N, C-alpha and C. Protein backbone atom coordinates (compact mmCIF):
# COMPACT_ATOMS: atom_id res chain seq x y z
N UNK A 1 38.40 33.47 -6.49
CA UNK A 1 39.43 33.95 -7.07
C UNK A 1 40.33 32.49 -7.87
N UNK A 2 40.54 32.71 -9.04
CA UNK A 2 41.01 31.57 -9.81
C UNK A 2 42.45 31.47 -9.58
N UNK A 3 43.24 30.47 -10.02
CA UNK A 3 44.77 30.30 -9.68
C UNK A 3 45.37 31.62 -10.45
N UNK A 4 45.13 31.77 -11.72
CA UNK A 4 46.01 32.96 -12.15
C UNK A 4 45.83 34.24 -11.45
N UNK A 5 44.44 34.54 -10.87
CA UNK A 5 44.08 35.81 -10.25
C UNK A 5 44.95 35.62 -8.98
N UNK A 6 45.13 34.46 -8.03
CA UNK A 6 45.65 34.20 -6.97
C UNK A 6 47.29 34.64 -7.26
N UNK A 7 47.60 34.03 -8.38
CA UNK A 7 49.07 34.16 -8.63
C UNK A 7 49.62 35.71 -8.67
N UNK A 8 48.73 36.44 -9.52
CA UNK A 8 48.91 37.63 -9.70
C UNK A 8 48.70 38.60 -8.46
N UNK A 9 47.72 38.21 -7.66
CA UNK A 9 47.66 38.90 -6.47
C UNK A 9 48.92 38.83 -5.53
N UNK A 10 49.66 37.61 -5.41
CA UNK A 10 50.56 37.12 -4.51
C UNK A 10 52.10 37.91 -5.22
N UNK A 11 51.77 37.97 -6.53
CA UNK A 11 53.23 38.65 -7.20
C UNK A 11 53.01 40.26 -6.90
N UNK A 12 51.79 40.72 -6.86
CA UNK A 12 51.80 42.27 -6.42
C UNK A 12 52.04 42.47 -5.05
N UNK A 13 51.54 41.77 -4.10
CA UNK A 13 51.95 41.75 -2.59
C UNK A 13 53.30 41.53 -2.48
N UNK A 14 54.01 40.68 -3.19
CA UNK A 14 55.48 40.39 -3.06
C UNK A 14 56.27 41.47 -3.49
N UNK A 15 55.88 42.22 -4.57
CA UNK A 15 56.56 43.58 -4.83
C UNK A 15 56.18 44.60 -3.91
N UNK A 16 55.31 44.73 -3.47
CA UNK A 16 54.86 45.86 -2.35
C UNK A 16 55.57 45.43 -1.13
N UNK A 17 55.78 44.16 -0.82
CA UNK A 17 56.49 43.83 0.44
C UNK A 17 58.16 44.33 0.26
N UNK A 18 58.41 44.01 -0.94
CA UNK A 18 60.13 44.52 -1.11
C UNK A 18 59.98 45.95 -1.27
N UNK A 19 59.13 46.68 -1.86
CA UNK A 19 59.34 48.19 -1.91
C UNK A 19 59.11 48.85 -0.69
N UNK A 20 57.97 48.40 -0.14
CA UNK A 20 57.55 48.97 1.40
C UNK A 20 58.35 48.63 2.52
N UNK A 21 58.24 47.21 2.88
CA UNK A 21 58.48 46.62 3.93
C UNK A 21 60.01 46.42 4.17
N UNK A 22 60.65 46.21 2.93
CA UNK A 22 62.10 45.96 2.99
C UNK A 22 63.17 47.22 2.44
N UNK A 23 62.99 47.53 1.33
CA UNK A 23 63.65 48.76 0.65
C UNK A 23 63.01 50.03 1.49
N UNK A 24 62.00 49.92 1.94
CA UNK A 24 61.54 51.18 2.71
C UNK A 24 62.05 51.37 3.91
N UNK A 25 62.90 50.23 4.35
CA UNK A 25 63.46 50.26 5.84
C UNK A 25 64.85 50.35 5.52
N UNK A 26 65.69 49.41 6.22
CA UNK A 26 67.17 49.33 6.04
C UNK A 26 67.61 48.05 5.35
N UNK A 27 66.80 47.54 4.47
CA UNK A 27 67.26 46.48 3.64
C UNK A 27 67.68 46.93 2.24
N UNK A 28 69.19 46.72 2.10
CA UNK A 28 69.62 47.43 0.78
C UNK A 28 70.55 46.50 0.16
N UNK A 29 70.86 45.15 0.47
CA UNK A 29 71.56 44.26 -0.02
C UNK A 29 70.94 43.82 -1.39
N UNK A 30 71.60 44.00 -2.61
CA UNK A 30 70.60 43.81 -3.86
C UNK A 30 70.37 42.37 -4.01
N UNK A 31 71.29 41.36 -3.57
CA UNK A 31 71.09 40.14 -3.51
C UNK A 31 69.92 39.70 -2.75
N UNK A 32 70.03 40.17 -1.47
CA UNK A 32 68.84 39.63 -0.41
C UNK A 32 67.40 40.16 -1.18
N UNK A 33 67.45 41.20 -1.62
CA UNK A 33 66.21 41.96 -1.91
C UNK A 33 65.78 41.06 -3.30
N UNK A 34 66.69 40.61 -4.06
CA UNK A 34 66.20 39.81 -5.36
C UNK A 34 65.62 38.38 -4.76
N UNK A 35 66.34 37.82 -3.82
CA UNK A 35 65.68 36.54 -3.52
C UNK A 35 64.34 36.55 -2.90
N UNK A 36 64.16 37.63 -2.12
CA UNK A 36 62.89 38.05 -1.42
C UNK A 36 61.83 38.31 -2.46
N UNK A 37 62.37 38.86 -3.53
CA UNK A 37 61.21 39.10 -4.41
C UNK A 37 60.92 37.92 -5.46
N UNK A 38 61.56 36.92 -5.30
CA UNK A 38 61.48 35.78 -6.08
C UNK A 38 60.83 34.54 -5.53
N UNK A 39 61.28 34.37 -4.30
CA UNK A 39 60.51 33.28 -3.63
C UNK A 39 59.05 33.74 -3.09
N UNK A 40 58.17 32.38 -3.27
CA UNK A 40 56.74 32.63 -3.08
C UNK A 40 56.60 32.27 -1.75
N UNK A 41 56.53 33.28 -0.77
CA UNK A 41 56.28 33.11 0.62
C UNK A 41 54.88 32.34 0.92
N UNK A 42 53.81 32.61 -0.07
CA UNK A 42 52.63 32.17 0.16
C UNK A 42 52.67 30.47 0.11
N UNK A 43 53.77 29.97 -0.42
CA UNK A 43 53.63 28.47 -0.40
C UNK A 43 54.12 27.82 1.09
N UNK A 44 54.93 28.90 2.00
CA UNK A 44 55.29 28.24 3.19
C UNK A 44 54.38 28.63 4.28
N UNK A 45 53.26 29.19 4.12
CA UNK A 45 52.48 29.31 5.29
C UNK A 45 51.06 28.36 5.12
N UNK A 46 50.34 28.08 6.23
CA UNK A 46 49.28 27.13 6.18
C UNK A 46 48.13 27.99 5.32
N UNK A 47 47.27 26.99 4.68
CA UNK A 47 46.46 27.48 3.75
C UNK A 47 45.43 28.55 4.16
N UNK A 48 45.28 28.43 5.50
CA UNK A 48 44.32 29.67 6.07
C UNK A 48 44.90 30.87 6.14
N UNK A 49 46.32 31.11 6.14
CA UNK A 49 46.90 32.16 6.36
C UNK A 49 47.59 32.80 4.87
N UNK A 50 47.15 32.06 3.91
CA UNK A 50 47.96 32.42 2.64
C UNK A 50 47.78 33.87 2.25
N UNK A 51 46.58 34.34 2.39
CA UNK A 51 46.10 35.58 2.00
C UNK A 51 47.13 36.83 2.99
N UNK A 52 47.36 36.36 4.09
CA UNK A 52 48.19 37.20 4.95
C UNK A 52 49.83 37.04 4.67
N UNK A 53 50.19 36.12 3.67
CA UNK A 53 51.59 35.82 3.58
C UNK A 53 52.39 36.97 3.39
N UNK A 54 52.19 37.97 2.91
CA UNK A 54 53.00 39.24 2.85
C UNK A 54 52.73 40.40 3.69
N UNK A 55 51.92 40.13 4.86
CA UNK A 55 51.88 41.11 5.88
C UNK A 55 52.95 41.16 6.59
N UNK A 56 53.39 42.28 7.15
CA UNK A 56 54.76 42.71 7.85
C UNK A 56 54.55 42.07 9.04
N UNK A 57 54.31 40.71 9.46
CA UNK A 57 54.58 40.28 10.70
C UNK A 57 54.60 38.60 10.61
N UNK A 58 54.83 38.19 11.83
CA UNK A 58 54.89 36.65 11.70
C UNK A 58 53.80 35.91 11.59
N UNK A 59 53.51 34.79 11.18
CA UNK A 59 52.38 33.62 11.21
C UNK A 59 52.66 32.53 11.70
N UNK A 60 51.58 32.01 12.53
CA UNK A 60 51.67 30.72 12.87
C UNK A 60 51.66 29.42 11.88
N UNK A 61 52.73 28.55 12.26
CA UNK A 61 52.67 27.36 11.33
C UNK A 61 52.50 26.05 12.43
N UNK A 62 52.77 24.88 11.89
CA UNK A 62 52.58 23.74 12.83
C UNK A 62 53.52 23.81 13.89
N UNK A 63 53.08 22.77 14.87
CA UNK A 63 53.94 22.42 16.02
C UNK A 63 54.06 23.83 16.95
N UNK A 64 53.33 24.61 16.88
CA UNK A 64 53.20 25.83 17.89
C UNK A 64 54.44 26.77 17.48
N UNK A 65 55.08 26.74 16.17
CA UNK A 65 55.99 27.67 15.74
C UNK A 65 55.27 28.76 14.90
N UNK A 66 56.31 29.60 14.61
CA UNK A 66 55.95 30.63 13.33
C UNK A 66 57.05 30.82 12.27
N UNK A 67 56.33 31.36 11.38
CA UNK A 67 57.12 31.86 10.13
C UNK A 67 57.47 33.46 10.41
N UNK A 68 58.75 33.82 10.37
CA UNK A 68 59.11 35.02 10.84
C UNK A 68 58.69 36.05 9.80
N UNK A 69 58.63 37.40 10.28
CA UNK A 69 57.87 38.42 9.47
C UNK A 69 58.86 38.59 8.16
N UNK A 70 58.39 38.89 7.07
CA UNK A 70 59.43 39.13 5.93
C UNK A 70 60.75 39.78 6.16
N UNK A 71 60.45 41.06 6.85
CA UNK A 71 61.36 42.27 7.23
C UNK A 71 62.52 41.39 8.15
N UNK A 72 62.14 40.79 9.23
CA UNK A 72 63.13 39.95 9.93
C UNK A 72 64.05 38.70 9.30
N UNK A 73 63.22 38.20 8.45
CA UNK A 73 64.01 37.21 7.33
C UNK A 73 65.18 38.12 6.63
N UNK A 74 64.76 39.18 5.97
CA UNK A 74 65.52 39.95 5.36
C UNK A 74 66.81 40.52 5.98
N UNK A 75 66.32 41.06 7.16
CA UNK A 75 67.42 41.63 8.04
C UNK A 75 68.55 40.53 8.51
N UNK A 76 68.10 39.45 8.89
CA UNK A 76 68.96 38.40 9.53
C UNK A 76 69.94 37.86 8.33
N UNK A 77 69.13 37.88 7.21
CA UNK A 77 70.07 37.14 5.81
C UNK A 77 70.97 38.36 5.66
N UNK A 78 70.76 39.63 5.71
CA UNK A 78 71.63 40.62 5.13
C UNK A 78 72.71 40.68 6.22
N UNK A 79 72.43 40.65 7.42
CA UNK A 79 73.44 40.57 8.36
C UNK A 79 74.53 39.71 8.40
N UNK A 80 73.98 38.34 7.75
CA UNK A 80 75.20 37.41 7.66
C UNK A 80 76.14 37.55 6.75
N UNK A 81 75.76 38.65 5.76
CA UNK A 81 76.84 38.82 4.61
C UNK A 81 77.35 37.49 3.95
N UNK A 82 76.29 36.94 3.29
CA UNK A 82 76.47 35.64 2.72
C UNK A 82 77.33 35.74 1.46
N UNK A 83 77.98 34.82 0.84
CA UNK A 83 78.58 34.86 -0.42
C UNK A 83 78.37 33.41 -1.09
N UNK A 84 78.51 33.17 -2.26
CA UNK A 84 78.24 32.00 -2.88
C UNK A 84 79.29 30.80 -2.30
N UNK A 85 80.23 31.11 -1.55
CA UNK A 85 81.05 29.94 -1.14
C UNK A 85 80.66 29.56 0.45
N UNK A 86 79.70 30.48 1.03
CA UNK A 86 79.41 30.36 2.32
C UNK A 86 78.71 28.80 2.51
N UNK A 87 79.21 28.34 3.79
CA UNK A 87 78.60 26.91 4.40
C UNK A 87 77.79 27.51 5.57
N UNK A 88 76.50 27.31 5.49
CA UNK A 88 75.67 28.01 6.60
C UNK A 88 75.00 26.96 7.42
N UNK A 89 75.04 26.92 8.73
CA UNK A 89 74.31 26.40 9.70
C UNK A 89 72.96 27.16 10.14
N UNK A 90 71.62 26.27 9.99
CA UNK A 90 70.57 26.96 10.40
C UNK A 90 70.02 26.28 11.57
N UNK A 91 69.60 26.85 12.78
CA UNK A 91 69.09 26.31 13.88
C UNK A 91 67.54 26.71 13.72
N UNK A 92 66.84 25.77 13.27
CA UNK A 92 65.18 25.90 13.43
C UNK A 92 64.75 26.13 11.93
N UNK A 93 64.60 24.99 11.29
CA UNK A 93 64.17 24.84 9.72
C UNK A 93 62.80 25.58 9.95
N UNK A 94 61.82 25.31 10.63
CA UNK A 94 60.48 25.92 10.50
C UNK A 94 59.69 25.60 9.29
N UNK A 95 59.21 26.42 8.91
CA UNK A 95 58.38 26.26 7.40
C UNK A 95 59.41 26.15 6.26
N UNK A 96 60.70 26.38 6.44
CA UNK A 96 61.45 26.29 5.46
C UNK A 96 61.83 27.59 4.43
N UNK A 97 61.12 28.49 4.67
CA UNK A 97 61.27 29.88 4.18
C UNK A 97 62.61 30.53 4.15
N UNK A 98 63.06 30.64 5.51
CA UNK A 98 64.38 31.17 5.59
C UNK A 98 65.45 30.15 5.02
N UNK A 99 65.03 28.98 5.03
CA UNK A 99 66.06 27.92 4.45
C UNK A 99 66.16 28.15 2.98
N UNK A 100 65.24 28.26 2.36
CA UNK A 100 65.21 28.50 0.92
C UNK A 100 65.76 30.04 0.64
N UNK A 101 65.51 30.93 1.35
CA UNK A 101 66.44 32.16 1.12
C UNK A 101 67.89 31.94 1.03
N UNK A 102 68.26 31.34 2.29
CA UNK A 102 69.81 30.99 2.31
C UNK A 102 70.32 30.21 1.37
N UNK A 103 69.44 29.16 0.84
CA UNK A 103 70.07 28.36 -0.31
C UNK A 103 70.31 29.06 -1.53
N UNK A 104 69.62 30.11 -1.63
CA UNK A 104 69.84 30.93 -2.85
C UNK A 104 71.17 31.82 -2.72
N UNK A 105 71.66 31.76 -1.62
CA UNK A 105 72.75 32.90 -1.44
C UNK A 105 73.74 32.34 -1.01
N UNK A 106 73.86 30.96 -0.70
CA UNK A 106 75.05 30.32 -0.12
C UNK A 106 75.35 29.13 -0.91
N UNK A 107 76.43 28.51 -0.66
CA UNK A 107 76.89 27.42 -1.33
C UNK A 107 76.10 26.08 -1.02
N UNK A 108 75.92 25.87 0.56
CA UNK A 108 75.30 24.70 1.17
C UNK A 108 74.72 25.31 2.41
N UNK A 109 73.38 24.72 2.60
CA UNK A 109 72.83 24.82 4.16
C UNK A 109 72.61 23.68 4.77
N UNK A 110 73.24 23.80 6.02
CA UNK A 110 72.77 22.66 6.99
C UNK A 110 71.66 23.09 7.90
N UNK A 111 70.70 22.31 7.86
CA UNK A 111 69.55 22.86 8.87
C UNK A 111 68.91 21.92 9.83
N UNK A 112 68.78 22.29 10.91
CA UNK A 112 68.44 21.38 12.08
C UNK A 112 66.95 21.86 12.45
N UNK A 113 65.99 21.04 12.69
CA UNK A 113 64.57 21.35 13.19
C UNK A 113 64.35 20.25 14.30
N UNK A 114 63.75 20.64 15.33
CA UNK A 114 63.50 19.58 16.39
C UNK A 114 62.28 18.80 16.02
N UNK A 115 61.14 19.58 15.41
CA UNK A 115 60.23 18.73 14.89
C UNK A 115 60.13 18.14 13.72
N UNK A 116 60.00 16.68 13.61
CA UNK A 116 60.18 16.01 12.47
C UNK A 116 59.04 16.30 11.29
N UNK A 117 57.97 16.72 11.66
CA UNK A 117 57.01 16.96 10.94
C UNK A 117 57.24 18.30 10.11
N UNK A 118 57.94 19.30 10.75
CA UNK A 118 58.37 20.45 10.22
C UNK A 118 59.50 20.07 8.95
N UNK A 119 60.31 19.63 9.45
CA UNK A 119 61.52 19.07 8.62
C UNK A 119 61.11 18.36 7.55
N UNK A 120 60.15 17.44 7.64
CA UNK A 120 59.83 16.79 6.54
C UNK A 120 59.04 17.50 5.61
N UNK A 121 58.16 18.39 6.05
CA UNK A 121 57.40 19.40 5.09
C UNK A 121 58.23 20.11 4.44
N UNK A 122 59.25 20.65 5.18
CA UNK A 122 59.95 21.68 4.36
C UNK A 122 60.98 20.90 3.41
N UNK A 123 61.42 19.77 3.77
CA UNK A 123 62.32 19.06 2.73
C UNK A 123 61.46 18.82 1.69
N UNK A 124 60.15 18.38 1.54
CA UNK A 124 59.32 18.03 0.38
C UNK A 124 59.03 19.53 -0.40
N UNK A 125 58.87 20.64 0.32
CA UNK A 125 58.53 21.77 -0.42
C UNK A 125 59.74 22.46 -1.18
N UNK A 126 60.84 22.17 -0.33
CA UNK A 126 62.17 22.69 -1.02
C UNK A 126 62.58 21.67 -2.21
N UNK A 127 62.14 20.40 -2.03
CA UNK A 127 62.43 19.40 -3.51
C UNK A 127 61.62 19.86 -4.59
N UNK A 128 60.49 20.19 -4.21
CA UNK A 128 59.45 20.52 -5.33
C UNK A 128 60.09 22.00 -5.93
N UNK A 129 60.74 22.62 -5.27
CA UNK A 129 61.09 24.07 -5.76
C UNK A 129 62.40 23.62 -6.59
N UNK A 130 63.01 22.50 -6.52
CA UNK A 130 64.20 22.20 -7.16
C UNK A 130 65.66 22.45 -6.29
N UNK A 131 65.49 22.76 -4.98
CA UNK A 131 66.52 23.43 -4.06
C UNK A 131 67.20 22.01 -3.76
N UNK A 132 68.43 21.94 -4.04
CA UNK A 132 69.28 20.76 -3.92
C UNK A 132 70.60 20.89 -2.90
N UNK A 133 70.82 22.19 -2.42
CA UNK A 133 72.00 22.52 -1.58
C UNK A 133 71.78 22.57 -0.13
N UNK A 134 70.63 21.79 0.34
CA UNK A 134 70.29 21.73 1.74
C UNK A 134 70.41 20.29 2.17
N UNK A 135 70.98 20.33 3.48
CA UNK A 135 70.88 19.10 4.17
C UNK A 135 70.17 19.17 5.59
N UNK A 136 69.10 18.33 5.64
CA UNK A 136 68.26 18.43 6.82
C UNK A 136 68.61 17.30 7.97
N UNK A 137 68.30 17.93 9.11
CA UNK A 137 68.58 16.93 10.28
C UNK A 137 67.40 17.48 11.24
N UNK A 138 67.02 16.15 12.18
CA UNK A 138 66.08 16.39 12.90
C UNK A 138 66.68 16.25 14.39
N UNK A 139 66.68 17.12 15.20
CA UNK A 139 67.41 17.04 16.49
C UNK A 139 67.48 18.37 17.21
N UNK A 140 68.14 18.25 18.26
CA UNK A 140 68.32 19.55 19.22
C UNK A 140 69.38 20.56 18.53
N UNK A 141 68.79 21.62 17.96
CA UNK A 141 69.80 22.60 17.21
C UNK A 141 70.52 23.34 18.36
N UNK A 142 70.22 23.41 19.63
CA UNK A 142 71.18 23.98 20.49
C UNK A 142 72.73 23.49 20.73
N UNK A 143 72.69 22.23 20.20
CA UNK A 143 74.03 21.51 20.48
C UNK A 143 74.79 21.27 19.06
N UNK A 144 74.28 22.13 18.06
CA UNK A 144 74.77 22.36 16.75
C UNK A 144 74.72 21.05 16.00
N UNK A 145 75.56 21.06 14.69
CA UNK A 145 75.45 19.90 13.75
C UNK A 145 75.88 18.65 14.60
N UNK A 146 75.28 17.34 14.16
CA UNK A 146 75.46 16.25 14.85
C UNK A 146 76.96 15.79 14.84
N UNK A 147 77.70 16.21 13.84
CA UNK A 147 79.02 15.60 13.36
C UNK A 147 79.91 16.86 13.55
N UNK A 148 81.24 16.68 13.70
CA UNK A 148 81.99 17.91 13.60
C UNK A 148 82.25 18.52 12.27
N UNK A 149 81.96 19.78 12.39
CA UNK A 149 82.10 20.56 10.97
C UNK A 149 82.16 21.98 11.62
N UNK A 150 82.68 22.98 10.54
CA UNK A 150 82.89 24.20 11.04
C UNK A 150 81.99 24.85 9.93
N UNK A 151 81.44 26.06 10.13
CA UNK A 151 80.51 26.72 9.34
C UNK A 151 81.04 28.15 9.09
N UNK A 152 80.83 28.71 8.07
CA UNK A 152 81.39 30.23 7.68
C UNK A 152 80.20 31.24 8.38
N UNK A 153 78.92 30.63 8.54
CA UNK A 153 77.87 31.43 8.93
C UNK A 153 76.66 30.66 9.91
N UNK A 154 76.10 31.02 10.72
CA UNK A 154 75.17 30.39 11.74
C UNK A 154 74.10 31.36 11.96
N UNK A 155 72.86 30.86 11.71
CA UNK A 155 71.52 31.45 11.97
C UNK A 155 70.83 30.80 12.79
N UNK A 156 70.28 31.50 14.14
CA UNK A 156 69.42 30.73 14.85
C UNK A 156 68.24 31.43 14.71
N UNK A 157 67.11 30.78 14.49
CA UNK A 157 65.75 31.36 14.38
C UNK A 157 64.77 30.93 15.42
N UNK A 158 65.30 30.81 16.65
CA UNK A 158 64.46 30.96 17.76
C UNK A 158 65.23 31.35 18.86
N UNK A 159 64.54 31.82 19.85
CA UNK A 159 65.26 32.65 21.02
C UNK A 159 66.11 31.67 21.87
N UNK A 160 67.31 32.02 22.09
CA UNK A 160 68.18 31.46 23.33
C UNK A 160 68.37 32.34 24.46
N UNK A 161 68.59 31.57 25.44
CA UNK A 161 68.98 32.45 26.71
C UNK A 161 70.36 33.06 26.67
N UNK A 162 71.38 32.49 26.02
CA UNK A 162 72.65 32.82 25.58
C UNK A 162 73.10 32.08 24.46
N UNK A 163 73.81 32.67 23.83
CA UNK A 163 74.55 31.82 22.55
C UNK A 163 75.17 30.51 23.06
N UNK A 164 74.75 29.53 22.59
CA UNK A 164 75.25 28.21 23.01
C UNK A 164 76.89 28.21 22.68
N UNK A 165 77.66 27.70 23.69
CA UNK A 165 79.15 27.61 23.25
C UNK A 165 79.35 26.68 22.23
N UNK A 166 78.65 25.52 22.08
CA UNK A 166 78.79 24.57 20.94
C UNK A 166 78.53 25.28 19.70
N UNK A 167 77.74 26.24 19.74
CA UNK A 167 77.57 26.99 18.19
C UNK A 167 78.78 27.58 17.86
N UNK A 168 79.23 28.50 18.91
CA UNK A 168 80.50 29.37 18.80
C UNK A 168 81.75 28.43 18.29
N UNK A 169 81.68 27.26 18.92
CA UNK A 169 82.67 26.20 18.63
C UNK A 169 82.64 25.76 17.06
N UNK A 170 81.48 25.73 16.62
CA UNK A 170 81.25 25.24 15.09
C UNK A 170 81.36 26.46 14.03
N UNK A 171 81.47 27.75 14.75
CA UNK A 171 81.69 28.91 13.70
C UNK A 171 83.31 29.25 13.35
N UNK A 172 83.37 29.26 12.21
CA UNK A 172 84.82 29.46 11.52
C UNK A 172 85.39 30.83 11.99
N UNK A 173 86.69 30.93 12.20
CA UNK A 173 87.34 32.35 12.31
C UNK A 173 86.93 33.14 11.28
N UNK A 174 86.48 34.43 11.49
CA UNK A 174 86.00 35.48 10.51
C UNK A 174 84.47 34.97 10.38
N UNK A 175 83.93 34.08 10.93
CA UNK A 175 82.57 33.76 10.68
C UNK A 175 81.64 34.65 11.57
N UNK A 176 80.47 34.65 11.04
CA UNK A 176 79.29 35.28 11.70
C UNK A 176 78.11 34.49 12.06
N UNK A 177 77.66 34.76 13.29
CA UNK A 177 76.57 34.28 13.81
C UNK A 177 75.25 34.96 14.31
N UNK A 178 74.26 34.99 14.13
CA UNK A 178 73.10 35.84 14.42
C UNK A 178 71.99 35.04 15.17
N UNK A 179 71.53 35.53 16.16
CA UNK A 179 70.69 34.87 17.00
C UNK A 179 69.92 35.92 18.09
N UNK A 180 68.43 35.50 17.95
CA UNK A 180 67.75 36.15 19.16
C UNK A 180 68.24 35.90 20.35
N UNK A 181 68.68 36.56 21.41
CA UNK A 181 68.97 36.39 22.65
C UNK A 181 68.20 37.19 23.71
N UNK A 182 67.66 36.21 24.68
CA UNK A 182 66.94 36.91 25.85
C UNK A 182 66.03 35.89 26.56
N UNK A 183 65.81 36.32 27.76
CA UNK A 183 64.75 35.17 28.46
C UNK A 183 63.57 35.73 28.25
N UNK A 184 63.20 36.91 28.10
CA UNK A 184 61.68 37.27 28.00
C UNK A 184 61.04 37.32 26.90
N UNK A 185 59.83 37.84 26.66
CA UNK A 185 59.11 37.65 25.44
C UNK A 185 59.79 38.57 24.17
N UNK A 186 60.47 39.59 24.71
CA UNK A 186 61.15 40.30 23.58
C UNK A 186 62.86 39.97 23.98
N UNK A 187 63.37 39.75 22.73
CA UNK A 187 64.81 39.53 22.81
C UNK A 187 65.55 40.54 22.10
N UNK A 188 66.96 40.55 22.19
CA UNK A 188 67.86 41.21 21.38
C UNK A 188 68.42 40.37 20.16
N UNK A 189 68.27 41.03 19.22
CA UNK A 189 68.68 40.25 17.81
C UNK A 189 70.36 40.70 17.94
N UNK A 190 71.16 39.50 18.11
CA UNK A 190 72.63 39.79 18.35
C UNK A 190 73.31 39.21 17.01
N UNK A 191 74.41 39.96 16.79
CA UNK A 191 75.17 39.80 15.43
C UNK A 191 76.61 39.36 16.31
N UNK A 192 77.11 37.93 16.13
CA UNK A 192 78.52 37.73 16.92
C UNK A 192 79.41 37.53 15.75
N UNK A 193 80.60 38.08 15.91
CA UNK A 193 81.56 37.85 14.94
C UNK A 193 82.90 37.30 15.78
N UNK A 194 83.49 36.19 15.03
CA UNK A 194 84.39 35.42 15.64
C UNK A 194 85.77 35.86 15.00
N UNK A 195 86.70 36.08 15.91
CA UNK A 195 87.95 36.47 15.31
C UNK A 195 89.07 36.17 16.40
N UNK A 196 90.16 35.40 15.87
CA UNK A 196 91.08 35.20 16.69
C UNK A 196 90.70 34.55 18.18
N UNK A 197 89.61 33.52 17.94
CA UNK A 197 88.89 32.94 19.21
C UNK A 197 88.22 33.88 20.00
N UNK A 198 88.01 34.98 19.63
CA UNK A 198 87.21 36.04 20.42
C UNK A 198 85.97 36.11 19.55
N UNK A 199 85.13 36.42 20.42
CA UNK A 199 83.55 36.80 19.90
C UNK A 199 83.07 38.09 20.36
N UNK A 200 82.90 38.88 19.28
CA UNK A 200 82.41 40.17 19.29
C UNK A 200 80.84 40.30 18.93
N UNK A 201 80.00 40.84 20.25
CA UNK A 201 78.74 40.84 20.12
C UNK A 201 78.17 42.28 19.78
N UNK A 202 76.97 42.24 19.01
CA UNK A 202 76.65 43.60 18.70
C UNK A 202 75.11 43.47 18.65
N UNK A 203 74.23 44.19 19.48
CA UNK A 203 72.93 44.06 19.19
C UNK A 203 72.24 44.86 18.31
N UNK A 204 71.36 44.42 17.36
CA UNK A 204 70.72 45.04 16.29
C UNK A 204 69.46 45.67 16.58
N UNK A 205 68.64 44.92 17.16
CA UNK A 205 67.19 45.48 17.53
C UNK A 205 66.43 44.40 18.40
N UNK A 206 65.37 44.91 18.83
CA UNK A 206 64.67 44.04 19.57
C UNK A 206 63.69 43.16 18.84
N UNK A 207 63.42 41.79 19.09
CA UNK A 207 62.79 41.14 18.26
C UNK A 207 61.97 40.14 19.22
N UNK A 208 60.88 39.46 18.69
CA UNK A 208 60.08 38.43 19.21
C UNK A 208 59.98 37.10 18.55
N UNK A 209 60.62 36.27 19.13
CA UNK A 209 60.90 34.99 18.51
C UNK A 209 60.45 33.77 19.61
N UNK A 210 59.81 32.85 19.18
CA UNK A 210 59.55 31.71 19.82
C UNK A 210 60.90 31.12 20.47
N UNK A 211 60.75 30.40 21.62
CA UNK A 211 61.87 29.85 22.47
C UNK A 211 62.48 28.54 21.73
N UNK A 212 63.63 28.55 21.67
CA UNK A 212 64.62 27.42 21.25
C UNK A 212 64.38 26.35 22.40
N UNK A 213 63.74 25.20 22.02
CA UNK A 213 63.62 24.07 23.09
C UNK A 213 64.80 23.13 22.56
N UNK A 214 65.91 22.84 23.78
CA UNK A 214 66.94 22.15 23.64
C UNK A 214 67.80 22.10 24.84
N UNK A 215 68.92 21.29 24.99
CA UNK A 215 69.74 21.34 26.16
C UNK A 215 70.26 22.67 26.61
N UNK A 216 70.71 23.46 25.55
CA UNK A 216 71.22 25.01 25.87
C UNK A 216 70.39 25.97 25.28
N UNK A 217 68.96 25.33 25.03
CA UNK A 217 67.91 26.67 24.84
C UNK A 217 67.10 26.67 26.34
N UNK A 218 65.91 26.33 26.15
CA UNK A 218 64.91 26.58 27.26
C UNK A 218 64.46 25.29 27.35
N UNK A 219 65.43 24.15 27.99
CA UNK A 219 65.02 22.91 28.48
C UNK A 219 64.43 21.97 27.22
N UNK A 220 64.07 20.83 27.85
CA UNK A 220 63.77 19.93 26.78
C UNK A 220 62.18 19.86 26.55
């Protein structure tokens, strides 16, 4: 398959993903659907998995991590209710795919990754895409951004035993945090809304994420 044929195939797969796996379920935010229809997911997966880039499931990436299935990326993004002024903290840069999606919908994204290899490759890829509203940091995402800052939205892309208080502290009043929470192989995807220093939690669905390694995650 030559380059043009490959590009056509991925474009077709991407359209099919949007129509069947996203619209066909409960993804109805036009902005989220538009971004997922435009970003080339195949660029974010290892070469040996490129043909599976639009399958409705997670795929392995480097450092024992995964790129989430497209539906979960879309669902978590939709639940954040982003706007063009949103300042977003992402815990777990991973492949950079979720980061790229967020960058198209928010004013700025601050993303933390434990593994420098993933952070560096994601930074390079987003740079090639012309994305310039993302700030990268390598460190323990469970303790939040390394300097004092308040975020409108926080997204955690690895499982935590409970939502770290340090992340709640960095969430703005009226802000939204979404995270997979639980000790087992299956977690609850929780949406947390902060209002008057109270946090209201709601479970969305069951999910399977790799565990967040960190002080307030699953150990070091």
